[in-house]
Amino acid sequence: MDLALDRPDVAGALTQWSVEPLAVVVVVVLAVSYAYGVRRLRRPWPRGRSATFAVGLLLFLWTTSGFPEVYAGSLFWAWTAQTLVLWLFVPIVVLFGHPLQLARAVGGPGSRLDRVLQSKPVRVVANPLIGPALVPALSFVLFFGPLPGWAIGSPPVGWLLHLALVLVGAVMVLPLVGFEDDISSLAVGLSLAIGSFELVIDALPGIVLRLNTHLSTSYFDHVDRHSWSPTPLHDQQLGGGILWTVAELIDLPFLFLVFRRWLRADARDAANIDAVLEAERASRRGFDTDTDADADAGARADTHDAGPWEDIDARTERDVPWWEGDPAMERRLRRLQ
């Protein structure tokens, strides 16, 4: 089928548009809600966050209604690029505008947003140990299953897929934008190790599409053909090259963000441990500032029964390692003995 669609060029990246109704509605709703939240907030909101959020919405609108959407039904590599931008790029830009923090600041604790974010499905996907591992798994589902054919053959299915990609991507990057602060440094460190391993695994879907000598996706069951269209196999290989490259490059900023998150979590855990140790140290030395305790100690010294108190004084003059008073560590040591 030969439709009146020009060969893609650089100029068409800004001039080619095909409005997607669902995307337009979502952008308008999010923009109005964000502006309303900033207005209701009783303290200044950084303009940089608002600008970042606006850029994320514009990127989402261009990806779903601009050049990628125009050629998504004719070129597999365009559909691949559109999918990756919606899944891996748009959520990061939008969430760095801190819309969830703004909603929480306006709605207060215990709001509906908090209940959704604390639900089990969201916490599982947002877990830094699980989120990175979903990328290669979802890549195989997106590019090798029947989903590409459904998205191209039925526009409403494609619209819903676009929204689902952004939502899944947003949940996956929640730990990277500092929304949750209760993740331990051990969990973030493990996610960094998984992400490093995933750097290799992510390349597999792209490699398969790039090096295969036969069609491997259902996309071409519904593709629109033009006089300038590349052969289906060549188109698939171009899409595989994009997937391979982007999957490798996107891991680098992801790993950087996870590493930065690890440093912050480690510093927070260290500060918490220091606070606990300082409180214990203060409680041990508290009787030194109690005049009544000093008087009692003097009275006991006159009775020549100061042996136990001498031990207490000796203990208060030194910092006891945390593991000597930790019940969990004591239980582990007993098992080893």
Protein backbone atom coordinates (compact mmCIF):
# COMPACT_ATOMS: atom_id res chain seq x y z
CA MET A 1 0.00 0.00 0.00
CA ASP A 2 1.55 3.30 -1.08
CA LEU A 3 0.35 6.26 0.98
CA ALA A 4 1.24 9.90 0.34
CA LEU A 5 4.12 10.07 2.78
CA ASP A 6 7.43 11.67 1.90
CA ARG A 7 10.78 10.05 2.44
CA PRO A 8 11.99 10.94 5.97
CA ASP A 9 14.54 13.74 6.19
CA VAL A 10 16.04 16.04 8.81
CA ALA A 11 13.60 18.87 8.13
CA GLY A 12 10.68 16.54 8.66
CA ALA A 13 11.74 15.98 12.26
CA LEU A 14 10.04 19.29 13.14
CA THR A 15 7.47 19.66 10.37
CA GLN A 16 5.86 16.19 10.30
CA TRP A 17 2.97 15.86 12.76
CA SER A 18 0.16 13.37 13.37
CA VAL A 19 -1.83 14.27 16.49
CA GLU A 20 -2.42 11.44 18.96
CA PRO A 21 -5.57 12.37 20.97
CA LEU A 22 -4.74 10.38 24.11
CA ALA A 23 -1.24 11.87 24.34
CA VAL A 24 -2.57 15.42 23.94
CA VAL A 25 -5.12 14.87 26.72
CA VAL A 26 -2.46 13.43 29.04
CA VAL A 27 -0.09 16.35 28.40
CA VAL A 28 -2.82 18.92 29.07
CA VAL A 29 -3.94 17.20 32.27
CA LEU A 30 -0.38 16.87 33.59
CA ALA A 31 0.53 20.46 32.71
CA VAL A 32 -2.60 21.89 34.37
CA SER A 33 -2.17 19.69 37.45
CA TYR A 34 1.48 20.67 37.82
CA ALA A 35 0.70 24.39 37.48
CA TYR A 36 -2.14 24.04 39.98
CA GLY A 37 0.16 22.29 42.44
CA VAL A 38 2.83 24.98 42.16
CA ARG A 39 0.19 27.65 42.76
CA ARG A 40 -1.23 25.87 45.81
CA LEU A 41 2.18 25.28 47.33
CA ARG A 42 2.83 27.74 50.13
CA ARG A 43 6.53 28.01 49.46
CA PRO A 44 8.60 28.91 46.36
CA TRP A 45 9.02 26.11 43.83
CA PRO A 46 12.32 26.05 41.84
CA ARG A 47 11.82 27.26 38.29
CA GLY A 48 14.38 24.76 37.04
CA ARG A 49 12.11 21.89 38.07
CA SER A 50 9.15 23.43 36.27
CA ALA A 51 11.26 23.92 33.13
CA THR A 52 12.49 20.32 33.27
CA PHE A 53 8.94 19.04 33.63
CA ALA A 54 7.82 21.17 30.66
CA VAL A 55 10.66 19.78 28.53
CA GLY A 56 9.61 16.25 29.46
CA LEU A 57 6.00 16.91 28.43
CA LEU A 58 7.12 18.46 25.12
CA LEU A 59 9.36 15.44 24.45
CA PHE A 60 6.43 13.13 25.17
CA LEU A 61 4.15 15.14 22.87
CA TRP A 62 6.69 15.20 20.03
CA THR A 63 7.39 11.46 20.34
CA THR A 64 3.70 10.53 20.25
CA SER A 65 2.45 13.15 17.74
CA GLY A 66 5.50 14.25 15.80
CA PHE A 67 8.01 12.64 13.45
CA PRO A 68 8.28 9.29 15.32
CA GLU A 69 4.50 8.81 15.22
CA VAL A 70 4.24 9.81 11.56
CA TYR A 71 6.71 7.13 10.46
CA ALA A 72 6.08 4.53 13.19
CA GLY A 73 3.63 2.70 10.94
CA SER A 74 5.98 2.68 7.94
CA LEU A 75 9.48 2.14 9.32
CA PHE A 76 10.46 -0.37 11.97
CA TRP A 77 13.48 1.67 13.00
CA ALA A 78 11.22 4.69 13.63
CA TRP A 79 8.87 2.57 15.74
CA THR A 80 11.85 1.20 17.66
CA ALA A 81 13.22 4.68 18.34
CA GLN A 82 9.79 5.89 19.45
CA THR A 83 9.41 2.96 21.84
CA LEU A 84 12.82 3.53 23.42
CA VAL A 85 12.30 7.27 23.87
CA LEU A 86 8.94 6.77 25.57
CA TRP A 87 10.22 3.98 27.77
CA LEU A 88 13.70 5.13 28.75
CA PHE A 89 14.03 8.88 28.13
CA VAL A 90 10.69 10.61 28.71
CA PRO A 91 10.17 9.22 32.25
CA ILE A 92 13.59 10.41 33.40
CA VAL A 93 13.09 13.96 32.13
CA VAL A 94 9.54 14.21 33.49
CA LEU A 95 10.41 12.84 36.94
CA PHE A 96 13.41 15.14 37.28
CA GLY A 97 10.81 17.90 37.28
CA HIS A 98 9.76 16.39 40.66
CA PRO A 99 6.01 16.14 39.95
CA LEU A 100 5.55 13.42 42.58
CA GLN A 101 7.33 15.44 45.25
CA LEU A 102 5.14 18.39 44.34
CA ALA A 103 1.97 16.29 44.60
CA ARG A 104 3.08 14.90 47.96
CA ALA A 105 3.89 18.39 49.26
CA VAL A 106 0.42 19.61 48.27
CA GLY A 107 -1.57 16.53 49.27
CA GLY A 108 0.33 15.79 52.46
CA PRO A 109 1.17 12.36 53.92
CA GLY A 110 -1.34 9.57 53.51
CA SER A 111 -2.68 10.90 50.22
CA ARG A 112 -3.95 8.68 47.42
CA LEU A 113 -0.61 9.11 45.65
CA ASP A 114 1.21 7.70 48.68
CA ARG A 115 -1.11 4.70 48.77
CA VAL A 116 -0.45 4.00 45.10
CA LEU A 117 3.31 4.35 45.45
CA GLN A 118 3.33 2.11 48.51
CA SER A 119 1.32 -0.61 46.77
CA LYS A 120 3.06 -3.93 46.26
CA PRO A 121 3.21 -3.88 42.41
CA VAL A 122 4.79 -0.41 42.36
CA ARG A 123 7.31 -1.26 45.06
CA VAL A 124 8.30 -4.47 43.25
CA VAL A 125 8.95 -2.73 39.92
CA ALA A 126 10.66 0.21 41.63
CA ASN A 127 12.95 -2.07 43.62
CA PRO A 128 16.52 -1.28 42.51
CA LEU A 129 17.24 -5.02 42.46
CA ILE A 130 14.36 -5.78 40.07
CA GLY A 131 13.88 -2.69 37.88
CA PRO A 132 17.15 -2.98 35.93
CA ALA A 133 16.55 -6.67 35.25
CA LEU A 134 13.20 -5.88 33.63
CA VAL A 135 14.80 -4.01 30.73
CA PRO A 136 16.06 -7.03 28.75
CA ALA A 137 12.94 -9.05 29.63
CA LEU A 138 10.56 -6.34 28.45
CA SER A 139 12.69 -5.75 25.37
CA PHE A 140 12.02 -9.29 24.17
CA VAL A 141 8.28 -8.86 24.83
CA LEU A 142 8.15 -5.54 23.01
CA PHE A 143 10.12 -6.47 19.92
CA PHE A 144 9.59 -10.20 19.43
CA GLY A 145 6.04 -10.88 20.52
CA PRO A 146 2.73 -9.99 18.87
CA LEU A 147 2.70 -6.55 20.49
CA PRO A 148 4.35 -4.67 17.59
CA GLY A 149 1.74 -5.98 15.17
CA TRP A 150 -1.11 -5.07 17.50
CA ALA A 151 0.24 -1.56 18.06
CA ILE A 152 0.59 -0.90 14.33
CA GLY A 153 -2.60 -2.63 13.24
CA SER A 154 -4.84 -0.90 15.82
CA PRO A 155 -4.12 2.79 16.64
CA PRO A 156 -5.90 2.70 20.06
CA VAL A 157 -3.68 -0.20 21.10
CA GLY A 158 -0.66 1.86 20.05
CA TRP A 159 -1.89 4.83 22.10
CA LEU A 160 -2.33 2.68 25.20
CA LEU A 161 1.09 1.12 24.63
CA HIS A 162 2.69 4.58 24.56
CA LEU A 163 1.11 5.47 27.88
CA ALA A 164 2.04 2.11 29.41
CA LEU A 165 5.67 2.52 28.34
CA VAL A 166 5.92 5.89 30.09
CA LEU A 167 4.25 4.58 33.25
CA VAL A 168 6.46 1.48 33.47
CA GLY A 169 9.56 3.53 32.76
CA ALA A 170 8.57 6.07 35.42
CA VAL A 171 8.13 3.39 38.07
CA MET A 172 11.49 1.85 37.14
CA VAL A 173 13.40 5.13 37.53
CA LEU A 174 11.73 6.19 40.80
CA PRO A 175 14.72 5.07 42.91
CA LEU A 176 17.07 7.03 40.65
CA VAL A 177 15.40 10.41 41.10
CA GLY A 178 15.55 10.34 44.89
CA PHE A 179 11.86 9.88 45.54
CA GLU A 180 12.30 7.11 48.09
CA ASP A 181 14.94 7.71 50.77
CA ASP A 182 14.56 4.52 52.81
CA ILE A 183 16.49 2.23 50.48
CA SER A 184 19.61 0.82 52.13
CA SER A 185 23.04 1.27 50.66
CA LEU A 186 23.33 -2.52 50.36
CA ALA A 187 20.22 -2.69 48.13
CA VAL A 188 21.48 0.14 45.92
CA GLY A 189 24.92 -1.43 45.73
CA LEU A 190 23.38 -4.71 44.60
CA SER A 191 21.38 -2.87 41.95
CA LEU A 192 24.62 -1.34 40.70
CA ALA A 193 26.10 -4.83 40.36
CA ILE A 194 22.97 -6.04 38.55
CA GLY A 195 23.08 -2.99 36.28
CA SER A 196 26.68 -3.75 35.36
CA PHE A 197 25.71 -7.30 34.41
CA GLU A 198 22.65 -5.99 32.61
CA LEU A 199 24.93 -3.84 30.44
CA VAL A 200 25.77 -7.06 28.59
CA ILE A 201 22.28 -8.63 28.68
CA ASP A 202 20.61 -5.50 27.27
CA ALA A 203 22.44 -5.92 24.00
CA LEU A 204 20.90 -9.32 23.21
CA PRO A 205 17.56 -8.16 21.70
CA GLY A 206 19.33 -5.63 19.50
CA ILE A 207 21.95 -8.16 18.45
CA VAL A 208 19.28 -10.67 17.46
CA LEU A 209 17.39 -8.12 15.34
CA ARG A 210 20.59 -6.74 13.82
CA LEU A 211 22.22 -10.03 12.87
CA ASN A 212 19.21 -12.17 11.98
CA THR A 213 18.86 -13.11 8.32
CA HIS A 214 15.07 -13.48 8.53
CA LEU A 215 12.24 -11.39 9.96
CA SER A 216 11.80 -11.84 13.71
CA THR A 217 8.98 -9.44 14.60
CA SER A 218 5.26 -9.20 13.93
CA TYR A 219 5.63 -5.54 13.01
CA PHE A 220 5.85 -6.24 9.29
CA ASP A 221 2.47 -7.96 9.27
CA HIS A 222 0.79 -4.52 9.31
CA VAL A 223 3.46 -2.14 7.98
CA ASP A 224 2.62 0.53 5.37
CA ARG A 225 4.81 0.17 2.26
CA HIS A 226 6.05 3.07 0.13
CA SER A 227 8.13 3.43 -3.01
CA TRP A 228 11.08 4.58 -0.90
CA SER A 229 10.65 1.93 1.83
CA PRO A 230 13.71 -0.22 2.59
CA THR A 231 13.39 -3.97 2.42
CA PRO A 232 11.79 -5.43 5.56
CA LEU A 233 14.99 -7.26 6.52
CA HIS A 234 17.11 -4.13 6.12
CA ASP A 235 14.55 -2.14 8.11
CA GLN A 236 14.64 -4.72 10.90
CA GLN A 237 18.43 -4.62 10.97
CA LEU A 238 18.37 -0.81 11.23
CA GLY A 239 15.95 -1.07 14.15
CA GLY A 240 18.15 -3.71 15.76
CA GLY A 241 21.15 -1.42 15.44
CA ILE A 242 19.24 1.40 17.16
CA LEU A 243 18.07 -0.91 19.93
CA TRP A 244 21.56 -2.32 20.40
CA THR A 245 23.17 1.14 20.57
CA VAL A 246 20.57 2.82 22.76
CA ALA A 247 20.35 -0.12 25.15
CA GLU A 248 24.09 0.12 25.73
CA LEU A 249 24.28 3.93 25.93
CA ILE A 250 21.27 4.34 28.21
CA ASP A 251 22.88 2.03 30.76
CA LEU A 252 25.73 4.49 31.31
CA PRO A 253 23.64 7.35 32.76
CA PHE A 254 21.54 4.76 34.59
CA LEU A 255 24.65 3.33 36.22
CA PHE A 256 25.87 6.84 37.05
CA LEU A 257 22.57 7.69 38.71
CA VAL A 258 22.60 4.41 40.64
CA PHE A 259 26.19 5.06 41.76
CA ARG A 260 25.25 8.56 42.92
CA ARG A 261 22.25 7.09 44.70
CA TRP A 262 24.56 4.55 46.35
CA LEU A 263 26.83 7.30 47.68
CA ARG A 264 23.87 9.19 49.12
CA ALA A 265 22.39 6.04 50.70
CA ASP A 266 25.77 5.09 52.19
CA ALA A 267 26.24 8.59 53.61
CA ARG A 268 22.71 8.47 55.09
CA ASP A 269 23.29 5.03 56.65
CA ALA A 270 26.62 6.20 58.08
CA ALA A 271 24.97 9.30 59.56
CA ASN A 272 22.26 7.16 61.17
CA ILE A 273 24.83 4.81 62.68
CA ASP A 274 26.87 7.76 63.96
CA ALA A 275 23.75 9.24 65.56
CA VAL A 276 22.95 5.96 67.33
CA LEU A 277 26.53 5.58 68.57
CA GLU A 278 26.59 9.17 69.76
CA ALA A 279 23.34 8.67 71.67
CA GLU A 280 24.72 5.52 73.31
CA ARG A 281 27.94 7.34 74.16
CA ALA A 282 26.00 10.19 75.71
CA SER A 283 23.83 7.82 77.74
CA ARG A 284 26.91 6.02 79.10
CA ARG A 285 28.53 9.28 80.15
CA GLY A 286 25.33 10.92 81.34
CA PHE A 287 25.91 10.14 84.99
CA ASP A 288 29.08 12.26 84.92
CA THR A 289 26.88 15.36 84.70
CA ASP A 290 24.43 14.21 87.38
CA THR A 291 25.48 15.73 90.71
CA ASP A 292 23.32 13.29 92.67
CA ALA A 293 25.07 10.40 90.99
CA ASP A 294 28.44 11.94 91.89
CA ALA A 295 27.41 12.20 95.48
CA ASP A 296 26.27 8.59 95.55
CA ALA A 297 29.51 7.51 93.91
CA GLY A 298 31.48 9.32 96.61
CA ALA A 299 29.47 7.65 99.32
CA ARG A 300 30.08 4.25 97.81
CA ALA A 301 33.81 4.98 97.55
CA ASP A 302 33.92 5.56 101.31
CA THR A 303 32.50 2.09 101.84
CA HIS A 304 35.37 0.62 99.80
CA ASP A 305 32.91 -1.16 97.50
CA ALA A 306 33.94 0.58 94.24
CA GLY A 307 34.96 -2.42 92.19
CA PRO A 308 31.91 -2.57 89.88
CA TRP A 309 31.82 1.19 89.56
CA GLU A 310 35.44 1.24 88.51
CA ASP A 311 34.44 -1.12 85.67
CA ILE A 312 31.63 1.23 84.65
CA ASP A 313 34.00 4.18 84.68
CA ALA A 314 36.43 2.26 82.50
CA ARG A 315 33.68 1.38 80.02
CA THR A 316 32.47 4.96 79.81
CA GLU A 317 35.98 6.15 78.92
CA ARG A 318 35.99 4.16 75.69
CA ASP A 319 33.72 3.80 72.67
CA VAL A 320 32.30 0.31 72.51
CA PRO A 321 32.12 -1.04 68.93
CA TRP A 322 28.54 -1.20 67.71
CA TRP A 323 28.59 -4.94 67.17
CA GLU A 324 29.29 -5.67 70.85
CA GLY A 325 25.85 -4.33 71.78
CA ASP A 326 23.90 -5.35 68.71
CA PRO A 327 21.45 -8.20 69.51
CA ALA A 328 21.42 -9.54 65.96
CA MET A 329 25.22 -9.71 65.87
CA GLU A 330 25.29 -11.41 69.26
CA ARG A 331 22.94 -14.12 67.99
CA ARG A 332 25.13 -14.69 64.93
CA LEU A 333 28.25 -14.98 67.08
CA ARG A 334 26.56 -17.52 69.34
CA ARG A 335 25.71 -19.68 66.30
CA LEU A 336 29.36 -19.63 65.23
CA GLN A 337 30.62 -20.68 68.65
